[in-house]
């Protein structure tokens, strides 16, 4: 992960934010334009129509397109500005072991249990009535959009949902947050934990879901540590995909049984389960760190260290 210092870290951060804003503006016009052509409705009605079950396929396509433009392209542009090998800069390498893969799977399941418990804790945090009403409104909007795209009447729908709702978000979000923001924050603060936590907060906040803030922030920290130790974005994409795929699979099974998808999305776990999951997560992550540092040592002999804080550890 070569990283030139000709562009300082504050400017790298500003570039990422600015590029996201630019691509967000471009995407909003592009989605409205394509929606107008395909659904034959006025531009302002496109967002509402995309949430209707009959437009689920076009909604999936446009949401995936928007994710690629807003999340993935800014990180790719910045990585290209930093060096001649942008994909290497973002952590795309093939150095991994079977033990790492097995540990990623175990870390995934421990993380999902911990997230469920943190979801229960998140709901217990008191909020002023006005803020609570706004949080619930945002949550309902998020659920409406998710349930629209999660309409699965066949195996083909399920496989498409795995691609659109599980793999695509895992790919583009890991490229932006771990490949992009995390490396910037760690370099800027010169501290591993500061960089990972800042990235995790941003990762959770950008989903605009108060009731899912703690679970997503915790997942972000796990993903951050995974990338910091392995320097391999593919392992992050795998964990993120497995996490998303479990939810999609659960929604598919529930919908086939004729049960309420809405209630399934609200499910949480007892807080004490989270304590057990955290213990297992610590154990698995310790083993992952040990295994990864052996592989990373070989990689770093031929690359510039992207993490100056590591030299002090």
C-alpha atoms as a PDB file:
ATOM      1  CA  UNK A   1       0.000   0.000   0.000  1.00  0.00           C
ATOM      2  CA  UNK A   2       2.291   2.683  -1.282  1.00  0.00           C
ATOM      3  CA  UNK A   3       1.432   6.161  -0.090  1.00  0.00           C
ATOM      4  CA  UNK A   4       3.184   9.296  -1.293  1.00  0.00           C
ATOM      5  CA  UNK A   5       3.477  12.184   1.101  1.00  0.00           C
ATOM      6  CA  UNK A   6       3.164  14.886  -1.591  1.00  0.00           C
ATOM      7  CA  UNK A   7      -0.504  15.168  -0.566  1.00  0.00           C
ATOM      8  CA  UNK A   8      -0.804  15.649   3.189  1.00  0.00           C
ATOM      9  CA  UNK A   9      -3.436  13.774   5.196  1.00  0.00           C
ATOM     10  CA  UNK A  10      -5.826  16.701   5.848  1.00  0.00           C
ATOM     11  CA  UNK A  11      -5.891  17.376   2.105  1.00  0.00           C
ATOM     12  CA  UNK A  12      -6.477  13.670   1.406  1.00  0.00           C
ATOM     13  CA  UNK A  13      -9.462  13.770   3.752  1.00  0.00           C
ATOM     14  CA  UNK A  14     -10.785  16.932   2.093  1.00  0.00           C
ATOM     15  CA  UNK A  15     -10.391  15.312  -1.329  1.00  0.00           C
ATOM     16  CA  UNK A  16     -12.336  12.226  -0.258  1.00  0.00           C
ATOM     17  CA  UNK A  17     -15.181  14.296   1.173  1.00  0.00           C
ATOM     18  CA  UNK A  18     -15.212  16.639  -1.793  1.00  0.00           C
ATOM     19  CA  UNK A  19     -15.219  13.811  -4.329  1.00  0.00           C
ATOM     20  CA  UNK A  20     -18.050  12.091  -2.442  1.00  0.00           C
ATOM     21  CA  UNK A  21     -20.074  15.306  -2.554  1.00  0.00           C
ATOM     22  CA  UNK A  22     -19.375  15.777  -6.259  1.00  0.00           C
ATOM     23  CA  UNK A  23     -20.299  12.220  -7.183  1.00  0.00           C
ATOM     24  CA  UNK A  24     -23.383  12.427  -4.956  1.00  0.00           C
ATOM     25  CA  UNK A  25     -24.638  15.415  -6.951  1.00  0.00           C
ATOM     26  CA  UNK A  26     -23.870  13.688 -10.248  1.00  0.00           C
ATOM     27  CA  UNK A  27     -25.556  10.493  -9.032  1.00  0.00           C
ATOM     28  CA  UNK A  28     -28.759  12.239  -7.946  1.00  0.00           C
ATOM     29  CA  UNK A  29     -29.213  13.728 -11.428  1.00  0.00           C
ATOM     30  CA  UNK A  30     -28.242  10.464 -13.121  1.00  0.00           C
ATOM     31  CA  UNK A  31     -30.687   8.379 -11.056  1.00  0.00           C
ATOM     32  CA  UNK A  32     -33.494  10.852 -11.695  1.00  0.00           C
ATOM     33  CA  UNK A  33     -32.701  10.871 -15.422  1.00  0.00           C
ATOM     34  CA  UNK A  34     -32.591   7.069 -15.757  1.00  0.00           C
ATOM     35  CA  UNK A  35     -35.691   6.665 -13.557  1.00  0.00           C
ATOM     36  CA  UNK A  36     -37.553   9.143 -15.738  1.00  0.00           C
ATOM     37  CA  UNK A  37     -36.610   7.245 -18.899  1.00  0.00           C
ATOM     38  CA  UNK A  38     -37.416   3.782 -17.553  1.00  0.00           C
ATOM     39  CA  UNK A  39     -40.489   4.431 -15.389  1.00  0.00           C
ATOM     40  CA  UNK A  40     -41.879   7.393 -17.357  1.00  0.00           C
ATOM     41  CA  UNK A  41     -42.542   9.521 -14.299  1.00  0.00           C
ATOM     42  CA  UNK A  42     -41.515  13.116 -13.454  1.00  0.00           C
ATOM     43  CA  UNK A  43     -38.008  13.500 -12.010  1.00  0.00           C
ATOM     44  CA  UNK A  44     -39.246  14.450  -8.540  1.00  0.00           C
ATOM     45  CA  UNK A  45     -41.382  11.294  -8.314  1.00  0.00           C
ATOM     46  CA  UNK A  46     -38.507   8.911  -9.076  1.00  0.00           C
ATOM     47  CA  UNK A  47     -37.365   8.379  -5.428  1.00  0.00           C
ATOM     48  CA  UNK A  48     -40.900   7.464  -4.318  1.00  0.00           C
ATOM     49  CA  UNK A  49     -41.470   5.123  -7.261  1.00  0.00           C
ATOM     50  CA  UNK A  50     -38.194   3.319  -6.624  1.00  0.00           C
ATOM     51  CA  UNK A  51     -39.525   2.213  -3.215  1.00  0.00           C
ATOM     52  CA  UNK A  52     -42.479   0.401  -4.796  1.00  0.00           C
ATOM     53  CA  UNK A  53     -42.292  -3.415  -5.119  1.00  0.00           C
ATOM     54  CA  UNK A  54     -43.092  -3.363  -8.846  1.00  0.00           C
ATOM     55  CA  UNK A  55     -39.924  -1.331  -9.482  1.00  0.00           C
ATOM     56  CA  UNK A  56     -37.618  -3.494  -7.378  1.00  0.00           C
ATOM     57  CA  UNK A  57     -35.298  -4.450 -10.253  1.00  0.00           C
ATOM     58  CA  UNK A  58     -34.627  -0.912 -11.452  1.00  0.00           C
ATOM     59  CA  UNK A  59     -34.256   0.141  -7.801  1.00  0.00           C
ATOM     60  CA  UNK A  60     -31.553  -2.479  -7.282  1.00  0.00           C
ATOM     61  CA  UNK A  61     -29.671  -1.413 -10.404  1.00  0.00           C
ATOM     62  CA  UNK A  62     -29.798   2.295  -9.604  1.00  0.00           C
ATOM     63  CA  UNK A  63     -28.840   1.816  -5.949  1.00  0.00           C
ATOM     64  CA  UNK A  64     -25.863  -0.291  -6.973  1.00  0.00           C
ATOM     65  CA  UNK A  65     -24.836   2.319  -9.531  1.00  0.00           C
ATOM     66  CA  UNK A  66     -25.152   5.061  -6.905  1.00  0.00           C
ATOM     67  CA  UNK A  67     -23.035   3.080  -4.426  1.00  0.00           C
ATOM     68  CA  UNK A  68     -20.249   2.587  -6.956  1.00  0.00           C
ATOM     69  CA  UNK A  69     -20.192   6.263  -7.927  1.00  0.00           C
ATOM     70  CA  UNK A  70     -20.470   7.763  -4.428  1.00  0.00           C
ATOM     71  CA  UNK A  71     -18.418   5.254  -2.418  1.00  0.00           C
ATOM     72  CA  UNK A  72     -15.946   3.502  -4.679  1.00  0.00           C
ATOM     73  CA  UNK A  73     -14.868   6.145  -7.213  1.00  0.00           C
ATOM     74  CA  UNK A  74     -13.680   8.769  -4.652  1.00  0.00           C
ATOM     75  CA  UNK A  75     -11.334   6.233  -3.037  1.00  0.00           C
ATOM     76  CA  UNK A  76     -10.051   5.067  -6.435  1.00  0.00           C
ATOM     77  CA  UNK A  77      -9.397   8.640  -7.579  1.00  0.00           C
ATOM     78  CA  UNK A  78      -7.501   9.462  -4.373  1.00  0.00           C
ATOM     79  CA  UNK A  79      -5.481   6.235  -4.572  1.00  0.00           C
ATOM     80  CA  UNK A  80      -4.542   7.069  -8.155  1.00  0.00           C
ATOM     81  CA  UNK A  81      -3.387  10.530  -7.080  1.00  0.00           C
ATOM     82  CA  UNK A  82      -1.212   8.957  -4.358  1.00  0.00           C
ATOM     83  CA  UNK A  83       0.687   6.573  -6.612  1.00  0.00           C
ATOM     84  CA  UNK A  84       0.908   4.476  -9.723  1.00  0.00           C
ATOM     85  CA  UNK A  85      -0.706   1.418  -8.155  1.00  0.00           C
ATOM     86  CA  UNK A  86      -4.122   2.495  -6.805  1.00  0.00           C
ATOM     87  CA  UNK A  87      -5.428  -1.024  -6.194  1.00  0.00           C
ATOM     88  CA  UNK A  88      -2.343  -1.925  -4.192  1.00  0.00           C
ATOM     89  CA  UNK A  89      -2.792   1.307  -2.236  1.00  0.00           C
ATOM     90  CA  UNK A  90      -6.374   0.272  -1.402  1.00  0.00           C
ATOM     91  CA  UNK A  91      -5.275  -3.148  -0.149  1.00  0.00           C
ATOM     92  CA  UNK A  92      -6.030  -5.433  -3.075  1.00  0.00           C
ATOM     93  CA  UNK A  93      -3.517  -8.244  -2.774  1.00  0.00           C
ATOM     94  CA  UNK A  94      -3.655 -12.012  -2.923  1.00  0.00           C
ATOM     95  CA  UNK A  95      -1.551 -12.786   0.147  1.00  0.00           C
ATOM     96  CA  UNK A  96      -3.836 -14.707   2.486  1.00  0.00           C
ATOM     97  CA  UNK A  97      -3.889 -18.056   4.237  1.00  0.00           C
ATOM     98  CA  UNK A  98      -6.555 -20.678   4.844  1.00  0.00           C
ATOM     99  CA  UNK A  99      -6.252 -19.977   8.580  1.00  0.00           C
ATOM    100  CA  UNK A 100      -7.057 -16.309   7.978  1.00  0.00           C
ATOM    101  CA  UNK A 101     -10.157 -17.286   5.986  1.00  0.00           C
ATOM    102  CA  UNK A 102     -11.351 -19.631   8.738  1.00  0.00           C
ATOM    103  CA  UNK A 103     -10.777 -16.973  11.397  1.00  0.00           C
ATOM    104  CA  UNK A 104     -12.653 -14.372   9.334  1.00  0.00           C
ATOM    105  CA  UNK A 105     -15.682 -16.685   9.282  1.00  0.00           C
ATOM    106  CA  UNK A 106     -15.535 -17.174  13.063  1.00  0.00           C
ATOM    107  CA  UNK A 107     -15.007 -13.434  13.617  1.00  0.00           C
ATOM    108  CA  UNK A 108     -18.053 -12.773  11.424  1.00  0.00           C
ATOM    109  CA  UNK A 109     -20.390 -14.871  13.561  1.00  0.00           C
ATOM    110  CA  UNK A 110     -19.014 -13.478  16.822  1.00  0.00           C
ATOM    111  CA  UNK A 111     -19.438  -9.949  15.429  1.00  0.00           C
ATOM    112  CA  UNK A 112     -23.061 -10.596  14.441  1.00  0.00           C
ATOM    113  CA  UNK A 113     -23.928 -11.760  17.970  1.00  0.00           C
ATOM    114  CA  UNK A 114     -22.151  -8.742  19.455  1.00  0.00           C
ATOM    115  CA  UNK A 115     -23.982  -6.430  17.021  1.00  0.00           C
ATOM    116  CA  UNK A 116     -27.326  -7.921  18.015  1.00  0.00           C
ATOM    117  CA  UNK A 117     -26.600  -7.272  21.691  1.00  0.00           C
ATOM    118  CA  UNK A 118     -25.416  -3.741  20.964  1.00  0.00           C
ATOM    119  CA  UNK A 119     -28.634  -3.157  19.045  1.00  0.00           C
ATOM    120  CA  UNK A 120     -30.540  -3.979  22.221  1.00  0.00           C
ATOM    121  CA  UNK A 121     -28.289  -1.602  24.181  1.00  0.00           C
ATOM    122  CA  UNK A 122     -28.699   1.127  21.541  1.00  0.00           C
ATOM    123  CA  UNK A 123     -32.478   1.069  21.978  1.00  0.00           C
ATOM    124  CA  UNK A 124     -32.124   1.625  25.737  1.00  0.00           C
ATOM    125  CA  UNK A 125     -30.191   4.890  25.338  1.00  0.00           C
ATOM    126  CA  UNK A 126     -32.619   7.715  26.193  1.00  0.00           C
ATOM    127  CA  UNK A 127     -33.238  10.537  23.724  1.00  0.00           C
ATOM    128  CA  UNK A 128     -35.274  13.767  23.891  1.00  0.00           C
ATOM    129  CA  UNK A 129     -38.734  13.245  22.407  1.00  0.00           C
ATOM    130  CA  UNK A 130     -38.040  15.417  19.359  1.00  0.00           C
ATOM    131  CA  UNK A 131     -34.782  13.632  18.554  1.00  0.00           C
ATOM    132  CA  UNK A 132     -36.417  10.243  19.102  1.00  0.00           C
ATOM    133  CA  UNK A 133     -39.190  11.106  16.636  1.00  0.00           C
ATOM    134  CA  UNK A 134     -36.616  12.134  14.024  1.00  0.00           C
ATOM    135  CA  UNK A 135     -34.596   8.966  14.641  1.00  0.00           C
ATOM    136  CA  UNK A 136     -37.696   6.804  14.183  1.00  0.00           C
ATOM    137  CA  UNK A 137     -38.594   8.669  11.001  1.00  0.00           C
ATOM    138  CA  UNK A 138     -35.139   8.038   9.522  1.00  0.00           C
ATOM    139  CA  UNK A 139     -35.327   4.397  10.589  1.00  0.00           C
ATOM    140  CA  UNK A 140     -38.683   3.921   8.858  1.00  0.00           C
ATOM    141  CA  UNK A 141     -37.317   5.479   5.665  1.00  0.00           C
ATOM    142  CA  UNK A 142     -34.351   3.129   5.785  1.00  0.00           C
ATOM    143  CA  UNK A 143     -36.580   0.100   6.376  1.00  0.00           C
ATOM    144  CA  UNK A 144     -38.905   1.076   3.526  1.00  0.00           C
ATOM    145  CA  UNK A 145     -36.015   1.280   1.079  1.00  0.00           C
ATOM    146  CA  UNK A 146     -34.492  -1.970   2.328  1.00  0.00           C
ATOM    147  CA  UNK A 147     -37.735  -3.927   2.281  1.00  0.00           C
ATOM    148  CA  UNK A 148     -38.418  -2.702  -1.237  1.00  0.00           C
ATOM    149  CA  UNK A 149     -35.093  -4.009  -2.519  1.00  0.00           C
ATOM    150  CA  UNK A 150     -35.369  -7.154  -0.374  1.00  0.00           C
ATOM    151  CA  UNK A 151     -38.496  -8.368  -2.179  1.00  0.00           C
ATOM    152  CA  UNK A 152     -37.600 -11.989  -3.003  1.00  0.00           C
ATOM    153  CA  UNK A 153     -40.184 -14.252  -4.612  1.00  0.00           C
ATOM    154  CA  UNK A 154     -37.806 -16.807  -6.120  1.00  0.00           C
ATOM    155  CA  UNK A 155     -34.317 -18.237  -5.874  1.00  0.00           C
ATOM    156  CA  UNK A 156     -33.263 -15.913  -8.690  1.00  0.00           C
ATOM    157  CA  UNK A 157     -34.469 -12.912  -6.649  1.00  0.00           C
ATOM    158  CA  UNK A 158     -32.486 -14.204  -3.680  1.00  0.00           C
ATOM    159  CA  UNK A 159     -29.277 -14.535  -5.707  1.00  0.00           C
ATOM    160  CA  UNK A 160     -29.743 -11.046  -7.166  1.00  0.00           C
ATOM    161  CA  UNK A 161     -30.306  -9.703  -3.653  1.00  0.00           C
ATOM    162  CA  UNK A 162     -27.083 -11.349  -2.492  1.00  0.00           C
ATOM    163  CA  UNK A 163     -25.262  -9.516  -5.266  1.00  0.00           C
ATOM    164  CA  UNK A 164     -26.982  -6.135  -4.800  1.00  0.00           C
ATOM    165  CA  UNK A 165     -27.584  -6.038  -1.039  1.00  0.00           C
ATOM    166  CA  UNK A 166     -24.667  -8.127   0.232  1.00  0.00           C
ATOM    167  CA  UNK A 167     -21.691  -8.118  -2.132  1.00  0.00           C
ATOM    168  CA  UNK A 168     -21.942  -4.683  -3.773  1.00  0.00           C
ATOM    169  CA  UNK A 169     -22.183  -2.747  -0.469  1.00  0.00           C
ATOM    170  CA  UNK A 170     -19.384  -4.852   1.017  1.00  0.00           C
ATOM    171  CA  UNK A 171     -17.123  -4.094  -1.936  1.00  0.00           C
ATOM    172  CA  UNK A 172     -17.693  -0.352  -2.281  1.00  0.00           C
ATOM    173  CA  UNK A 173     -17.929   0.452   1.442  1.00  0.00           C
ATOM    174  CA  UNK A 174     -14.712  -1.381   2.307  1.00  0.00           C
ATOM    175  CA  UNK A 175     -12.865   0.357  -0.514  1.00  0.00           C
ATOM    176  CA  UNK A 176     -14.001   3.769   0.735  1.00  0.00           C
ATOM    177  CA  UNK A 177     -13.848   3.345   4.507  1.00  0.00           C
ATOM    178  CA  UNK A 178     -10.994   0.927   5.121  1.00  0.00           C
ATOM    179  CA  UNK A 179      -9.014   1.460   1.917  1.00  0.00           C
ATOM    180  CA  UNK A 180      -9.643   5.204   1.939  1.00  0.00           C
ATOM    181  CA  UNK A 181     -10.675   6.924   5.168  1.00  0.00           C
ATOM    182  CA  UNK A 182      -8.965   4.560   7.608  1.00  0.00           C
ATOM    183  CA  UNK A 183      -5.544   4.938   6.012  1.00  0.00           C
ATOM    184  CA  UNK A 184      -5.996   8.717   5.950  1.00  0.00           C
ATOM    185  CA  UNK A 185      -7.112   8.917   9.592  1.00  0.00           C
ATOM    186  CA  UNK A 186      -4.339   6.634  10.877  1.00  0.00           C
ATOM    187  CA  UNK A 187      -1.726   8.615   8.975  1.00  0.00           C
ATOM    188  CA  UNK A 188      -3.246  11.933  10.083  1.00  0.00           C
ATOM    189  CA  UNK A 189      -3.513  11.053  13.798  1.00  0.00           C
ATOM    190  CA  UNK A 190      -0.448   8.790  13.801  1.00  0.00           C
ATOM    191  CA  UNK A 191      -2.472   6.416  15.980  1.00  0.00           C
ATOM    192  CA  UNK A 192      -4.041   3.082  15.086  1.00  0.00           C
ATOM    193  CA  UNK A 193      -7.002   3.255  17.446  1.00  0.00           C
ATOM    194  CA  UNK A 194      -7.841   6.874  16.696  1.00  0.00           C
ATOM    195  CA  UNK A 195      -7.880   6.161  12.971  1.00  0.00           C
ATOM    196  CA  UNK A 196      -9.975   3.014  13.291  1.00  0.00           C
ATOM    197  CA  UNK A 197     -12.509   4.547  15.697  1.00  0.00           C
ATOM    198  CA  UNK A 198     -12.912   7.733  13.643  1.00  0.00           C
ATOM    199  CA  UNK A 199     -13.482   5.638  10.534  1.00  0.00           C
ATOM    200  CA  UNK A 200     -15.988   3.422  12.360  1.00  0.00           C
ATOM    201  CA  UNK A 201     -17.976   6.417  13.591  1.00  0.00           C
ATOM    202  CA  UNK A 202     -18.104   7.836  10.067  1.00  0.00           C
ATOM    203  CA  UNK A 203     -18.978   4.403   8.654  1.00  0.00           C
ATOM    204  CA  UNK A 204     -21.914   4.064  11.041  1.00  0.00           C
ATOM    205  CA  UNK A 205     -23.082   7.665  10.795  1.00  0.00           C
ATOM    206  CA  UNK A 206     -23.304   7.619   7.000  1.00  0.00           C
ATOM    207  CA  UNK A 207     -26.026   4.948   7.195  1.00  0.00           C
ATOM    208  CA  UNK A 208     -28.296   7.494   8.952  1.00  0.00           C
ATOM    209  CA  UNK A 209     -29.681   4.952  11.410  1.00  0.00           C
ATOM    210  CA  UNK A 210     -29.624   5.930  15.094  1.00  0.00           C
ATOM    211  CA  UNK A 211     -30.893   2.548  16.303  1.00  0.00           C
ATOM    212  CA  UNK A 212     -28.174   0.774  14.354  1.00  0.00           C
ATOM    213  CA  UNK A 213     -25.375   3.177  15.264  1.00  0.00           C
ATOM    214  CA  UNK A 214     -23.619   1.104  17.951  1.00  0.00           C
ATOM    215  CA  UNK A 215     -23.830  -2.220  16.047  1.00  0.00           C
ATOM    216  CA  UNK A 216     -22.416  -0.657  12.868  1.00  0.00           C
ATOM    217  CA  UNK A 217     -19.715   1.220  14.768  1.00  0.00           C
ATOM    218  CA  UNK A 218     -18.643  -2.031  16.451  1.00  0.00           C
ATOM    219  CA  UNK A 219     -18.626  -3.810  13.097  1.00  0.00           C
ATOM    220  CA  UNK A 220     -16.533  -0.943  11.742  1.00  0.00           C
ATOM    221  CA  UNK A 221     -13.941  -1.419  14.502  1.00  0.00           C
ATOM    222  CA  UNK A 222     -13.740  -5.152  13.758  1.00  0.00           C
ATOM    223  CA  UNK A 223     -13.326  -4.446  10.048  1.00  0.00           C
ATOM    224  CA  UNK A 224     -10.774  -1.766  10.853  1.00  0.00           C
ATOM    225  CA  UNK A 225      -8.621  -4.133  12.893  1.00  0.00           C
ATOM    226  CA  UNK A 226      -8.973  -6.792  10.228  1.00  0.00           C
ATOM    227  CA  UNK A 227      -7.599  -4.436   7.570  1.00  0.00           C
ATOM    228  CA  UNK A 228      -4.912  -2.956   9.820  1.00  0.00           C
ATOM    229  CA  UNK A 229      -3.432  -6.363  10.598  1.00  0.00           C
ATOM    230  CA  UNK A 230      -3.877  -8.076   7.227  1.00  0.00           C
ATOM    231  CA  UNK A 231      -3.425  -5.157   4.774  1.00  0.00           C
ATOM    232  CA  UNK A 232      -5.803  -7.197   2.580  1.00  0.00           C
ATOM    233  CA  UNK A 233      -9.105  -5.585   1.577  1.00  0.00           C
ATOM    234  CA  UNK A 234     -10.437  -8.917   0.248  1.00  0.00           C
ATOM    235  CA  UNK A 235     -10.701 -10.277   3.790  1.00  0.00           C
ATOM    236  CA  UNK A 236     -12.699  -7.197   4.792  1.00  0.00           C
ATOM    237  CA  UNK A 237     -14.994  -7.630   1.813  1.00  0.00           C
ATOM    238  CA  UNK A 238     -15.498 -11.278   2.773  1.00  0.00           C
ATOM    239  CA  UNK A 239     -16.478 -10.465   6.379  1.00  0.00           C
ATOM    240  CA  UNK A 240     -18.722  -7.595   5.287  1.00  0.00           C
ATOM    241  CA  UNK A 241     -20.343  -9.791   2.635  1.00  0.00           C
ATOM    242  CA  UNK A 242     -20.976 -12.653   5.063  1.00  0.00           C
ATOM    243  CA  UNK A 243     -22.561 -10.236   7.532  1.00  0.00           C
ATOM    244  CA  UNK A 244     -24.857  -8.799   4.841  1.00  0.00           C
ATOM    245  CA  UNK A 245     -25.562 -12.199   3.280  1.00  0.00           C
ATOM    246  CA  UNK A 246     -26.781 -13.576   6.613  1.00  0.00           C
ATOM    247  CA  UNK A 247     -29.365 -10.779   6.835  1.00  0.00           C
ATOM    248  CA  UNK A 248     -30.456 -11.238   3.206  1.00  0.00           C
ATOM    249  CA  UNK A 249     -30.779 -14.995   3.716  1.00  0.00           C
ATOM    250  CA  UNK A 250     -32.792 -14.481   6.880  1.00  0.00           C
ATOM    251  CA  UNK A 251     -35.140 -12.079   5.070  1.00  0.00           C
ATOM    252  CA  UNK A 252     -35.526 -14.542   2.199  1.00  0.00           C
ATOM    253  CA  UNK A 253     -36.428 -17.434   4.507  1.00  0.00           C
ATOM    254  CA  UNK A 254     -38.862 -15.286   6.474  1.00  0.00           C
ATOM    255  CA  UNK A 255     -40.549 -13.947   3.332  1.00  0.00           C
ATOM    256  CA  UNK A 256     -40.926 -17.474   1.914  1.00  0.00           C
ATOM    257  CA  UNK A 257     -42.600 -18.491   5.174  1.00  0.00           C
ATOM    258  CA  UNK A 258     -45.031 -15.581   4.888  1.00  0.00           C
ATOM    259  CA  UNK A 259     -43.778 -13.883   8.045  1.00  0.00           C
ATOM    260  CA  UNK A 260     -43.207 -10.166   8.614  1.00  0.00           C
ATOM    261  CA  UNK A 261     -39.892  -8.903   7.236  1.00  0.00           C
ATOM    262  CA  UNK A 262     -40.295  -5.735   9.276  1.00  0.00           C
ATOM    263  CA  UNK A 263     -40.226  -7.623  12.581  1.00  0.00           C
ATOM    264  CA  UNK A 264     -37.212  -9.632  11.453  1.00  0.00           C
ATOM    265  CA  UNK A 265     -35.238  -6.439  10.840  1.00  0.00           C
ATOM    266  CA  UNK A 266     -36.016  -5.314  14.399  1.00  0.00           C
ATOM    267  CA  UNK A 267     -34.714  -8.463  16.074  1.00  0.00           C
ATOM    268  CA  UNK A 268     -31.944  -8.063  18.661  1.00  0.00           C
ATOM    269  CA  UNK A 269     -30.161 -10.263  21.200  1.00  0.00           C
ATOM    270  CA  UNK A 270     -29.752 -10.221  24.985  1.00  0.00           C
ATOM    271  CA  UNK A 271     -26.924  -7.974  26.140  1.00  0.00           C
ATOM    272  CA  UNK A 272     -25.233 -10.813  28.043  1.00  0.00           C
ATOM    273  CA  UNK A 273     -24.848 -12.677  24.736  1.00  0.00           C
ATOM    274  CA  UNK A 274     -22.744  -9.741  23.601  1.00  0.00           C
ATOM    275  CA  UNK A 275     -20.335 -10.216  26.507  1.00  0.00           C
ATOM    276  CA  UNK A 276     -19.760 -13.842  25.531  1.00  0.00           C
ATOM    277  CA  UNK A 277     -19.407 -12.881  21.869  1.00  0.00           C
ATOM    278  CA  UNK A 278     -16.856 -10.194  22.772  1.00  0.00           C
ATOM    279  CA  UNK A 279     -14.706 -12.764  24.593  1.00  0.00           C
ATOM    280  CA  UNK A 280     -14.711 -15.069  21.570  1.00  0.00           C
ATOM    281  CA  UNK A 281     -14.118 -12.102  19.259  1.00  0.00           C
ATOM    282  CA  UNK A 282     -11.052 -11.079  21.254  1.00  0.00           C
ATOM    283  CA  UNK A 283      -9.696 -14.623  21.049  1.00  0.00           C
ATOM    284  CA  UNK A 284     -10.315 -14.944  17.307  1.00  0.00           C
ATOM    285  CA  UNK A 285      -8.881 -11.497  16.557  1.00  0.00           C
ATOM    286  CA  UNK A 286      -5.734 -12.265  18.560  1.00  0.00           C
ATOM    287  CA  UNK A 287      -5.169 -15.364  16.455  1.00  0.00           C
ATOM    288  CA  UNK A 288      -5.936 -13.420  13.287  1.00  0.00           C
ATOM    289  CA  UNK A 289      -3.404 -10.740  14.240  1.00  0.00           C
ATOM    290  CA  UNK A 290      -0.702 -13.333  14.860  1.00  0.00           C
ATOM    291  CA  UNK A 291      -1.370 -15.099  11.564  1.00  0.00           C
ATOM    292  CA  UNK A 292      -1.635 -11.869   9.558  1.00  0.00           C
ATOM    293  CA  UNK A 293       1.524 -10.213  10.857  1.00  0.00           C
ATOM    294  CA  UNK A 294       3.550 -13.145   9.566  1.00  0.00           C
ATOM    295  CA  UNK A 295       2.183 -12.606   6.055  1.00  0.00           C
ATOM    296  CA  UNK A 296       2.283  -8.803   6.217  1.00  0.00           C
ATOM    297  CA  UNK A 297       5.944  -8.891   7.185  1.00  0.00           C
ATOM    298  CA  UNK A 298       6.718 -10.357   3.770  1.00  0.00           C
ATOM    299  CA  UNK A 299       4.524  -7.810   1.957  1.00  0.00           C
ATOM    300  CA  UNK A 300       5.978  -4.790   3.772  1.00  0.00           C
ATOM    301  CA  UNK A 301       9.513  -5.631   2.680  1.00  0.00           C
ATOM    302  CA  UNK A 302       8.502  -4.449  -0.789  1.00  0.00           C
ATOM    303  CA  UNK A 303       6.145  -1.588   0.141  1.00  0.00           C
ATOM    304  CA  UNK A 304       6.166   1.734   1.946  1.00  0.00           C
ATOM    305  CA  UNK A 305       4.605   1.525   5.414  1.00  0.00           C
ATOM    306  CA  UNK A 306       1.201   3.247   5.299  1.00  0.00           C
ATOM    307  CA  UNK A 307       0.882   3.155   9.079  1.00  0.00           C
ATOM    308  CA  UNK A 308       3.564   5.269  10.806  1.00  0.00           C
ATOM    309  CA  UNK A 309       1.987   4.595  14.212  1.00  0.00           C
ATOM    310  CA  UNK A 310       2.893   0.907  13.869  1.00  0.00           C
ATOM    311  CA  UNK A 311       6.576   1.708  14.174  1.00  0.00           C
ATOM    312  CA  UNK A 312       5.998   2.774  17.778  1.00  0.00           C
ATOM    313  CA  UNK A 313       4.220  -0.459  18.758  1.00  0.00           C
END
